[in-house]
Structures are given as C-alpha cells and as structure tokens.
C-alpha cells in the first residue's frame, strides 16, 4: 500500500480539491471513526484527524495524521485495505479537480514572456498599463504650430 501523503491530506482538509475533495475528506473521517469503533478505543489517527480539521492548513498536523494512518494500517490489515481503497478514490478526486502543481517546459527559445499559472481568480497584469488614447482633436486644431 502506498502511504497517504501529507500533501493529499492538506488538499482535502483545506478544500483545495473542491467538492470531490470534500467528499473524500468526509470519507476519511467516517473511515477513521468506523475503525475506532471496531477497536473499542480512541485511536491516534482520530486525534490527529480532529487536530487537522481545526487547523486545515497546518503541514505538520497533516504529516502527523499521515504517520498515524500508516501506523494503524501497519497493525490492522482490515484498516489497511479500507484505507487503501479510500486513498485510491481520494487521489482520483484530487486529480480530477486539478489540484496540484503546475509545470511547463519551454524549449527552442522564447519570443517573449512565458507565464505558467494555475487557478487565477481576477486579472493578470504585467508591466505598466497602456497609455490612454489621445483625445480627439477639435475642428480647426492641427496639433502643430504654423510659425
């Protein structure tokens, strides 16, 4: 089983993965709580999950949750199988929403500015704004001196 990454947990916890990511997060919450009930005790994964819910952008908390999930999967084959199924679904949700890094490759030279971006809200502005057009000339105005 591939370990759950802190980056995936952050994308889900912060809402960066959209609605599908929100559903995946709720699936993880249900998974952790369901398996806690079977063990009859409060698991470290649940405590870390709750902590990340309180501070969804905290990378350290996401790493602690990833470690707790891996530890639980290492000692409980049933949890490991359920976590693996959830993990595959969550990765698809994040991929389908486009969450992640942007990369580009430019070769053969460039004729100007190259910009790589992702998820822009609002406008992009580069350099100084264009000068406004000159006001129209009034009849009889030539714009030059005849002296």
N, C-alpha and C. Protein backbone atom coordinates (compact mmCIF):
# COMPACT_ATOMS: atom_id res chain seq x y z
N UNK A 1 0.83 -1.18 0.00
CA UNK A 1 0.00 0.00 0.00
C UNK A 1 0.88 1.25 0.00
N UNK A 2 0.53 2.19 -0.84
CA UNK A 2 1.23 3.47 -0.91
C UNK A 2 0.79 4.34 0.26
N UNK A 3 1.74 4.95 0.98
CA UNK A 3 1.35 5.78 2.12
C UNK A 3 0.55 7.01 1.67
N UNK A 4 -0.34 7.46 2.52
CA UNK A 4 -1.12 8.67 2.27
C UNK A 4 -0.19 9.85 2.50
N UNK A 5 -0.11 10.74 1.53
CA UNK A 5 0.80 11.88 1.66
C UNK A 5 0.17 13.03 2.43
N UNK A 6 1.02 13.79 3.08
CA UNK A 6 0.57 14.98 3.79
C UNK A 6 -0.01 15.99 2.81
N UNK A 7 0.54 16.05 1.59
CA UNK A 7 0.04 16.98 0.58
C UNK A 7 -1.41 16.66 0.20
N UNK A 8 -1.71 15.37 0.06
CA UNK A 8 -3.08 14.97 -0.24
C UNK A 8 -4.00 15.36 0.91
N UNK A 9 -3.59 15.08 2.12
CA UNK A 9 -4.40 15.42 3.29
C UNK A 9 -4.64 16.93 3.37
N UNK A 10 -3.62 17.73 3.07
CA UNK A 10 -3.78 19.19 3.09
C UNK A 10 -4.77 19.64 2.02
N UNK A 11 -4.66 19.08 0.82
CA UNK A 11 -5.57 19.46 -0.27
C UNK A 11 -7.02 19.16 0.13
N UNK A 12 -7.22 18.04 0.78
CA UNK A 12 -8.58 17.67 1.19
C UNK A 12 -9.06 18.52 2.37
N UNK A 13 -8.20 18.71 3.36
CA UNK A 13 -8.59 19.43 4.58
C UNK A 13 -8.88 20.91 4.31
N UNK A 14 -8.12 21.51 3.40
CA UNK A 14 -8.28 22.94 3.13
C UNK A 14 -9.38 23.24 2.12
N UNK A 15 -9.88 22.20 1.47
CA UNK A 15 -10.91 22.42 0.44
C UNK A 15 -10.33 22.73 -0.91
N UNK A 16 -9.01 22.64 -1.07
CA UNK A 16 -8.37 22.95 -2.35
C UNK A 16 -8.76 21.98 -3.45
N UNK A 17 -9.28 20.82 -3.07
CA UNK A 17 -9.65 19.81 -4.06
C UNK A 17 -11.13 19.89 -4.44
N UNK A 18 -11.81 20.95 -4.05
CA UNK A 18 -13.19 21.16 -4.46
C UNK A 18 -14.17 20.22 -3.77
N UNK A 19 -15.35 20.11 -4.39
CA UNK A 19 -16.43 19.30 -3.81
C UNK A 19 -16.05 17.83 -3.71
N UNK A 20 -15.41 17.31 -4.74
CA UNK A 20 -15.00 15.90 -4.70
C UNK A 20 -13.99 15.67 -3.58
N UNK A 21 -13.11 16.62 -3.35
CA UNK A 21 -12.17 16.52 -2.26
C UNK A 21 -12.86 16.58 -0.91
N UNK A 22 -13.91 17.40 -0.81
CA UNK A 22 -14.69 17.47 0.43
C UNK A 22 -15.35 16.14 0.74
N UNK A 23 -15.86 15.49 -0.30
CA UNK A 23 -16.46 14.17 -0.10
C UNK A 23 -15.41 13.16 0.32
N UNK A 24 -14.21 13.26 -0.26
CA UNK A 24 -13.13 12.36 0.13
C UNK A 24 -12.73 12.59 1.58
N UNK A 25 -12.67 13.86 2.00
CA UNK A 25 -12.34 14.17 3.39
C UNK A 25 -13.37 13.54 4.32
N UNK A 26 -14.65 13.70 3.99
CA UNK A 26 -15.69 13.11 4.82
C UNK A 26 -15.59 11.59 4.85
N UNK A 27 -15.16 11.01 3.73
CA UNK A 27 -14.94 9.57 3.69
C UNK A 27 -13.83 9.14 4.64
N UNK A 28 -12.77 9.94 4.73
CA UNK A 28 -11.68 9.63 5.66
C UNK A 28 -12.15 9.76 7.10
N UNK A 29 -12.91 10.79 7.39
CA UNK A 29 -13.46 10.98 8.74
C UNK A 29 -14.28 9.76 9.12
N UNK A 30 -15.16 9.34 8.22
CA UNK A 30 -16.02 8.17 8.50
C UNK A 30 -15.19 6.90 8.67
N UNK A 31 -14.18 6.75 7.84
CA UNK A 31 -13.31 5.56 7.92
C UNK A 31 -12.60 5.49 9.27
N UNK A 32 -11.99 6.58 9.66
CA UNK A 32 -11.24 6.60 10.93
C UNK A 32 -12.18 6.35 12.10
N UNK A 33 -13.34 6.98 12.08
CA UNK A 33 -14.28 6.81 13.21
C UNK A 33 -14.89 5.42 13.22
N UNK A 34 -15.18 4.85 12.05
CA UNK A 34 -15.74 3.50 11.99
C UNK A 34 -14.75 2.48 12.54
N UNK A 35 -13.47 2.60 12.16
CA UNK A 35 -12.47 1.64 12.63
C UNK A 35 -12.12 1.86 14.09
N UNK A 36 -12.30 3.07 14.58
CA UNK A 36 -12.11 3.31 16.01
C UNK A 36 -13.13 2.52 16.80
N UNK A 37 -14.38 2.53 16.32
CA UNK A 37 -15.43 1.79 16.99
C UNK A 37 -15.16 0.30 17.04
N UNK A 38 -14.52 -0.22 16.01
CA UNK A 38 -14.22 -1.65 15.99
C UNK A 38 -13.10 -1.98 16.97
N UNK A 39 -12.18 -1.06 17.16
CA UNK A 39 -11.06 -1.31 18.07
C UNK A 39 -11.48 -1.06 19.52
N UNK A 40 -12.58 -0.31 19.71
CA UNK A 40 -13.06 -0.05 21.05
C UNK A 40 -12.25 0.99 21.81
N UNK A 41 -11.44 1.74 21.11
CA UNK A 41 -10.60 2.74 21.78
C UNK A 41 -10.43 3.94 20.85
N UNK A 42 -10.03 5.04 21.40
CA UNK A 42 -9.74 6.22 20.60
C UNK A 42 -8.36 6.05 19.99
N UNK A 43 -8.30 6.10 18.70
CA UNK A 43 -7.03 5.87 18.00
C UNK A 43 -6.28 7.18 17.79
N UNK A 44 -4.94 7.12 17.73
CA UNK A 44 -4.17 8.33 17.44
C UNK A 44 -4.58 8.99 16.13
N UNK A 45 -4.99 8.18 15.14
CA UNK A 45 -5.41 8.75 13.86
C UNK A 45 -6.60 9.68 14.05
N UNK A 46 -7.51 9.32 14.94
CA UNK A 46 -8.68 10.18 15.16
C UNK A 46 -8.27 11.50 15.80
N UNK A 47 -7.36 11.45 16.75
CA UNK A 47 -6.90 12.68 17.41
C UNK A 47 -6.20 13.59 16.38
N UNK A 48 -5.39 13.01 15.52
CA UNK A 48 -4.69 13.81 14.52
C UNK A 48 -5.65 14.34 13.46
N UNK A 49 -6.66 13.55 13.12
CA UNK A 49 -7.68 13.98 12.17
C UNK A 49 -8.42 15.20 12.72
N UNK A 50 -8.81 15.13 13.98
CA UNK A 50 -9.51 16.24 14.63
C UNK A 50 -8.62 17.47 14.68
N UNK A 51 -7.35 17.29 14.97
CA UNK A 51 -6.42 18.43 15.03
C UNK A 51 -6.27 19.08 13.66
N UNK A 52 -6.21 18.27 12.60
CA UNK A 52 -6.08 18.84 11.26
C UNK A 52 -7.38 19.52 10.84
N UNK A 53 -8.51 19.01 11.29
CA UNK A 53 -9.79 19.69 10.99
C UNK A 53 -9.81 21.08 11.61
N UNK A 54 -9.23 21.23 12.80
CA UNK A 54 -9.18 22.53 13.48
C UNK A 54 -8.20 23.48 12.80
N UNK A 55 -7.10 22.93 12.26
CA UNK A 55 -6.08 23.76 11.61
C UNK A 55 -5.75 23.14 10.24
N UNK A 56 -6.66 23.30 9.26
CA UNK A 56 -6.54 22.57 8.00
C UNK A 56 -5.33 22.91 7.13
N UNK A 57 -4.68 24.02 7.37
CA UNK A 57 -3.52 24.38 6.55
C UNK A 57 -2.19 24.04 7.23
N UNK A 58 -2.24 23.37 8.37
CA UNK A 58 -1.04 23.07 9.15
C UNK A 58 -0.34 21.83 8.59
N UNK A 59 0.77 22.04 7.90
CA UNK A 59 1.51 20.93 7.27
C UNK A 59 2.01 19.91 8.29
N UNK A 60 2.41 20.38 9.45
CA UNK A 60 2.90 19.47 10.49
C UNK A 60 1.78 18.53 10.95
N UNK A 61 0.59 19.09 11.14
CA UNK A 61 -0.55 18.26 11.54
C UNK A 61 -0.89 17.25 10.45
N UNK A 62 -0.80 17.65 9.19
CA UNK A 62 -1.08 16.73 8.08
C UNK A 62 -0.07 15.59 8.09
N UNK A 63 1.19 15.90 8.37
CA UNK A 63 2.22 14.86 8.43
C UNK A 63 1.97 13.91 9.61
N UNK A 64 1.55 14.45 10.73
CA UNK A 64 1.24 13.61 11.89
C UNK A 64 0.07 12.68 11.58
N UNK A 65 -0.93 13.19 10.88
CA UNK A 65 -2.07 12.35 10.51
C UNK A 65 -1.63 11.26 9.53
N UNK A 66 -0.80 11.61 8.56
CA UNK A 66 -0.31 10.61 7.60
C UNK A 66 0.45 9.51 8.33
N UNK A 67 1.26 9.89 9.30
CA UNK A 67 2.02 8.90 10.09
C UNK A 67 1.09 8.02 10.92
N UNK A 68 0.07 8.62 11.54
CA UNK A 68 -0.87 7.85 12.35
C UNK A 68 -1.66 6.87 11.49
N UNK A 69 -2.04 7.29 10.29
CA UNK A 69 -2.76 6.39 9.39
C UNK A 69 -1.87 5.21 8.99
N UNK A 70 -0.61 5.50 8.68
CA UNK A 70 0.34 4.44 8.29
C UNK A 70 0.57 3.48 9.45
N UNK A 71 0.69 4.01 10.66
CA UNK A 71 0.91 3.14 11.83
C UNK A 71 -0.29 2.23 12.06
N UNK A 72 -1.47 2.78 11.94
CA UNK A 72 -2.67 1.96 12.15
C UNK A 72 -2.78 0.90 11.06
N UNK A 73 -2.49 1.27 9.82
CA UNK A 73 -2.55 0.32 8.71
C UNK A 73 -1.51 -0.79 8.89
N UNK A 74 -0.39 -0.46 9.52
CA UNK A 74 0.67 -1.44 9.74
C UNK A 74 0.31 -2.54 10.72
N UNK A 75 -0.66 -2.28 11.58
CA UNK A 75 -1.03 -3.29 12.60
C UNK A 75 -2.44 -3.84 12.40
N UNK A 76 -3.17 -3.32 11.42
CA UNK A 76 -4.55 -3.75 11.21
C UNK A 76 -4.80 -3.93 9.72
N UNK A 77 -4.80 -5.18 9.27
CA UNK A 77 -4.95 -5.47 7.84
C UNK A 77 -6.29 -4.98 7.29
N UNK A 78 -7.35 -5.09 8.07
CA UNK A 78 -8.66 -4.62 7.62
C UNK A 78 -8.67 -3.11 7.40
N UNK A 79 -8.09 -2.39 8.36
CA UNK A 79 -7.99 -0.94 8.22
C UNK A 79 -7.11 -0.59 7.02
N UNK A 80 -6.02 -1.33 6.83
CA UNK A 80 -5.12 -1.08 5.71
C UNK A 80 -5.85 -1.22 4.39
N UNK A 81 -6.68 -2.25 4.24
CA UNK A 81 -7.43 -2.45 3.00
C UNK A 81 -8.44 -1.33 2.77
N UNK A 82 -9.16 -0.95 3.83
CA UNK A 82 -10.13 0.14 3.72
C UNK A 82 -9.44 1.46 3.41
N UNK A 83 -8.31 1.71 4.05
CA UNK A 83 -7.55 2.94 3.81
C UNK A 83 -7.02 2.98 2.39
N UNK A 84 -6.54 1.85 1.89
CA UNK A 84 -6.03 1.78 0.52
C UNK A 84 -7.14 2.10 -0.49
N UNK A 85 -8.32 1.55 -0.29
CA UNK A 85 -9.45 1.84 -1.19
C UNK A 85 -9.81 3.33 -1.12
N UNK A 86 -9.86 3.87 0.08
CA UNK A 86 -10.15 5.31 0.23
C UNK A 86 -9.07 6.14 -0.46
N UNK A 87 -7.81 5.75 -0.26
CA UNK A 87 -6.68 6.50 -0.80
C UNK A 87 -6.75 6.59 -2.33
N UNK A 88 -7.04 5.47 -2.99
CA UNK A 88 -7.15 5.48 -4.45
C UNK A 88 -8.26 6.41 -4.91
N UNK A 89 -9.39 6.38 -4.23
CA UNK A 89 -10.51 7.24 -4.57
C UNK A 89 -10.15 8.72 -4.35
N UNK A 90 -9.50 9.00 -3.24
CA UNK A 90 -9.13 10.39 -2.92
C UNK A 90 -8.13 10.94 -3.93
N UNK A 91 -7.18 10.12 -4.35
CA UNK A 91 -6.22 10.58 -5.35
C UNK A 91 -6.92 10.92 -6.65
N UNK A 92 -7.90 10.11 -7.04
CA UNK A 92 -8.66 10.40 -8.26
C UNK A 92 -9.45 11.69 -8.11
N UNK A 93 -10.03 11.92 -6.94
CA UNK A 93 -10.79 13.15 -6.71
C UNK A 93 -9.90 14.37 -6.84
N UNK A 94 -8.71 14.29 -6.27
CA UNK A 94 -7.79 15.43 -6.33
C UNK A 94 -7.30 15.63 -7.76
N UNK A 95 -7.00 14.55 -8.46
CA UNK A 95 -6.53 14.65 -9.84
C UNK A 95 -7.61 15.20 -10.74
N UNK A 96 -8.86 14.75 -10.55
CA UNK A 96 -9.94 15.20 -11.42
C UNK A 96 -10.29 16.66 -11.20
N UNK A 97 -10.00 17.21 -10.03
CA UNK A 97 -10.28 18.62 -9.78
C UNK A 97 -9.10 19.49 -10.18
N UNK A 98 -8.01 18.87 -10.55
CA UNK A 98 -6.85 19.64 -10.98
C UNK A 98 -6.01 20.16 -9.86
N UNK A 99 -6.25 19.73 -8.63
CA UNK A 99 -5.41 20.19 -7.54
C UNK A 99 -4.00 19.66 -7.74
N UNK A 100 -3.03 20.45 -7.45
CA UNK A 100 -1.65 20.01 -7.60
C UNK A 100 -0.77 21.08 -8.19
N UNK A 101 0.39 20.68 -8.59
CA UNK A 101 1.37 21.61 -9.12
C UNK A 101 1.16 21.84 -10.61
N UNK A 102 1.74 22.91 -11.08
CA UNK A 102 1.74 23.23 -12.49
C UNK A 102 3.18 23.17 -12.96
N UNK A 103 3.40 22.57 -14.09
CA UNK A 103 4.75 22.57 -14.64
C UNK A 103 4.67 22.83 -16.13
N UNK A 104 5.72 23.36 -16.67
CA UNK A 104 5.77 23.65 -18.09
C UNK A 104 7.21 23.49 -18.56
N UNK A 105 7.35 23.24 -19.82
CA UNK A 105 8.67 23.12 -20.42
C UNK A 105 8.70 23.98 -21.66
N UNK A 106 9.66 24.87 -21.73
CA UNK A 106 9.81 25.73 -22.89
C UNK A 106 11.15 25.39 -23.52
N UNK A 107 11.13 25.07 -24.79
CA UNK A 107 12.39 24.75 -25.46
C UNK A 107 12.47 25.50 -26.78
N UNK A 108 13.64 25.62 -27.29
CA UNK A 108 13.84 26.28 -28.57
C UNK A 108 13.81 27.78 -28.50
N UNK A 109 13.92 28.32 -27.32
CA UNK A 109 13.92 29.77 -27.19
C UNK A 109 12.51 30.29 -27.02
N UNK A 110 12.42 31.53 -26.71
CA UNK A 110 11.13 32.16 -26.47
C UNK A 110 11.16 33.54 -27.09
N UNK A 111 10.03 33.96 -27.59
CA UNK A 111 9.94 35.27 -28.22
C UNK A 111 9.41 36.34 -27.27
N UNK A 112 9.23 35.98 -26.04
CA UNK A 112 8.70 36.94 -25.08
C UNK A 112 8.56 36.31 -23.72
N UNK A 113 7.69 36.86 -22.94
CA UNK A 113 7.47 36.39 -21.59
C UNK A 113 6.70 35.08 -21.61
N UNK A 114 7.12 34.16 -20.79
CA UNK A 114 6.41 32.89 -20.63
C UNK A 114 5.86 32.87 -19.21
N UNK A 115 4.58 32.60 -19.07
CA UNK A 115 3.93 32.57 -17.77
C UNK A 115 3.26 31.22 -17.60
N UNK A 116 3.51 30.59 -16.49
CA UNK A 116 2.81 29.36 -16.12
C UNK A 116 2.06 29.65 -14.85
N UNK A 117 0.77 29.36 -14.85
CA UNK A 117 -0.04 29.66 -13.69
C UNK A 117 -1.12 28.61 -13.53
N UNK A 118 -1.84 28.74 -12.45
CA UNK A 118 -2.93 27.81 -12.15
C UNK A 118 -3.98 28.53 -11.33
N UNK A 119 -5.23 28.27 -11.60
CA UNK A 119 -6.35 28.78 -10.80
C UNK A 119 -6.26 30.28 -10.53
N UNK A 120 -6.35 31.07 -11.56
CA UNK A 120 -6.30 32.52 -11.41
C UNK A 120 -7.71 33.04 -11.19
N UNK A 121 -7.87 33.83 -10.16
CA UNK A 121 -9.14 34.50 -9.92
C UNK A 121 -8.88 35.98 -10.06
N UNK A 122 -9.57 36.62 -10.96
CA UNK A 122 -9.32 38.03 -11.22
C UNK A 122 -8.41 38.16 -12.43
N UNK A 123 -7.78 39.28 -12.58
CA UNK A 123 -6.96 39.52 -13.75
C UNK A 123 -5.48 39.33 -13.49
N UNK A 124 -4.76 39.25 -14.57
CA UNK A 124 -3.30 39.24 -14.53
C UNK A 124 -2.82 40.49 -15.24
N UNK A 125 -1.88 41.17 -14.65
CA UNK A 125 -1.36 42.40 -15.25
C UNK A 125 0.16 42.34 -15.23
N UNK A 126 0.76 42.65 -16.37
CA UNK A 126 2.21 42.64 -16.48
C UNK A 126 2.67 43.98 -17.00
N UNK A 127 3.71 44.52 -16.40
CA UNK A 127 4.28 45.78 -16.87
C UNK A 127 3.40 46.96 -16.52
N UNK A 128 3.62 48.06 -17.24
CA UNK A 128 2.85 49.28 -16.99
C UNK A 128 1.61 49.29 -17.87
N UNK A 129 0.55 49.92 -17.40
CA UNK A 129 -0.66 49.98 -18.23
C UNK A 129 -0.41 50.79 -19.49
N UNK A 130 -1.14 50.46 -20.52
CA UNK A 130 -1.02 51.19 -21.79
C UNK A 130 -1.46 52.64 -21.59
N UNK A 131 -0.86 53.55 -22.35
CA UNK A 131 -1.26 54.95 -22.29
C UNK A 131 -2.65 55.08 -22.87
N UNK A 132 -3.46 55.95 -22.27
CA UNK A 132 -4.80 56.14 -22.83
C UNK A 132 -4.69 56.80 -24.20
N UNK A 133 -5.65 56.58 -25.06
CA UNK A 133 -5.59 57.21 -26.39
C UNK A 133 -5.67 58.74 -26.26
N UNK A 134 -5.06 59.41 -27.21
CA UNK A 134 -5.10 60.89 -27.22
C UNK A 134 -6.54 61.33 -27.46
N UNK A 135 -6.94 62.44 -26.81
CA UNK A 135 -8.31 62.91 -27.03
C UNK A 135 -8.47 63.34 -28.48
N UNK A 136 -9.67 63.22 -29.02
CA UNK A 136 -9.88 63.63 -30.41
C UNK A 136 -9.65 65.13 -30.56
N UNK A 137 -9.10 65.52 -31.70
CA UNK A 137 -8.83 66.94 -31.94
C UNK A 137 -10.12 67.64 -32.34
N UNK A 138 -10.23 68.89 -31.88
CA UNK A 138 -11.39 69.70 -32.22
C UNK A 138 -11.19 70.27 -33.62
N UNK A 139 -12.28 70.55 -34.32
CA UNK A 139 -12.15 71.16 -35.67
C UNK A 139 -11.33 72.45 -35.59
N UNK A 140 -10.42 72.61 -36.51
CA UNK A 140 -9.57 73.78 -36.55
C UNK A 140 -8.25 73.58 -35.82
N UNK A 141 -8.11 72.54 -35.07
CA UNK A 141 -6.86 72.26 -34.37
C UNK A 141 -6.03 71.36 -35.27
N UNK A 142 -4.78 71.73 -35.47
CA UNK A 142 -3.92 70.88 -36.29
C UNK A 142 -2.92 70.12 -35.45
N UNK A 143 -2.69 70.59 -34.27
CA UNK A 143 -1.75 69.90 -33.39
C UNK A 143 -0.31 70.34 -33.67
N UNK A 144 -0.07 71.21 -34.66
CA UNK A 144 1.28 71.69 -34.96
C UNK A 144 1.24 73.20 -35.03
N UNK A 145 2.35 73.83 -34.87
CA UNK A 145 2.46 75.29 -34.93
C UNK A 145 2.83 75.71 -36.34
N UNK A 146 2.22 76.79 -36.86
CA UNK A 146 2.49 77.25 -38.21
C UNK A 146 3.47 78.38 -38.25
N UNK A 147 4.27 78.63 -37.28
CA UNK A 147 5.18 79.76 -37.28
C UNK A 147 6.47 79.48 -37.91
